[in-house]
């Protein structure tokens, strides 16, 4: 097993080689509507040193415009080109592997609009492909429809794997819980999952930043999504302890980050 790095240290100068930062959002740069201390200074320092950053989220219940609006409320002048979502990555995957095919999408209205704007053909009754997302407008009729299509053996894709979504008051069931429901009825899990820690969202990320993989750092607070995404796909992986994972989780995990910091604030002095 790889050696666990010491917190807030970069003895091999890994950060000096990074040109672009792929940043998880909740638990990494903010909690709810509050910036994690030092996060804004960290973002400014990235740009002052000629580097770049994008925010990368598995949450497909929202589109890029919603995140931009939130960041604006919090005082960051961000644009949609700073946001990478698993929904966007799913669109990219469909365009490459299922061009022109009709898609049954289990998802919120804003994601449906994003799919349609990107030229994806949405179909309720006779689709060629099933795509599941984090659908907070889920109802029993939708569940019956998606189970019917999955049971019929259609290709079955999912935007991401998360079982729960963090909120300011705890957790709400995420897409992984939806997949458990579908499996109980239709005896299938998704054939392919796009989001972190899987390769498809990283492949899409690399089309959005003009940087080689070895010069990209994935920064996040979850070992099994953020850090695994970096470790599995040739990126430098940086765990921050400001969200879900703590050092005890690291000691128990097979997924060991390249670097560990208490928060993104600690990275600033190394840039």
Foldseek 3Di string as FASTA:
>chain_A
DDDFDDALDDVPLLLVLAQEEAEEDDLAQAPALGGDPQSVVLQVLSVVVNGYYAYEEAALQDALVVVCVSVVVSPDNDDSLRYAYLLVLVLVVCCVPPNPWEEAEAYEPNSVVVSVVSPHHYDQPDGQEYEYHFHPVDDPVSLVSSLVVVLVPHQYEYSAQDQWDQHNVGTDGGVNVSQVVSCVRRVDGHPYYQAFLDCSSVVVVCVSDVDDQANYEQEEADQRGRQSNQVVHNHQYEHEPSGDDDPVVQVVDPRHGPHYYPHSSSCSVSD
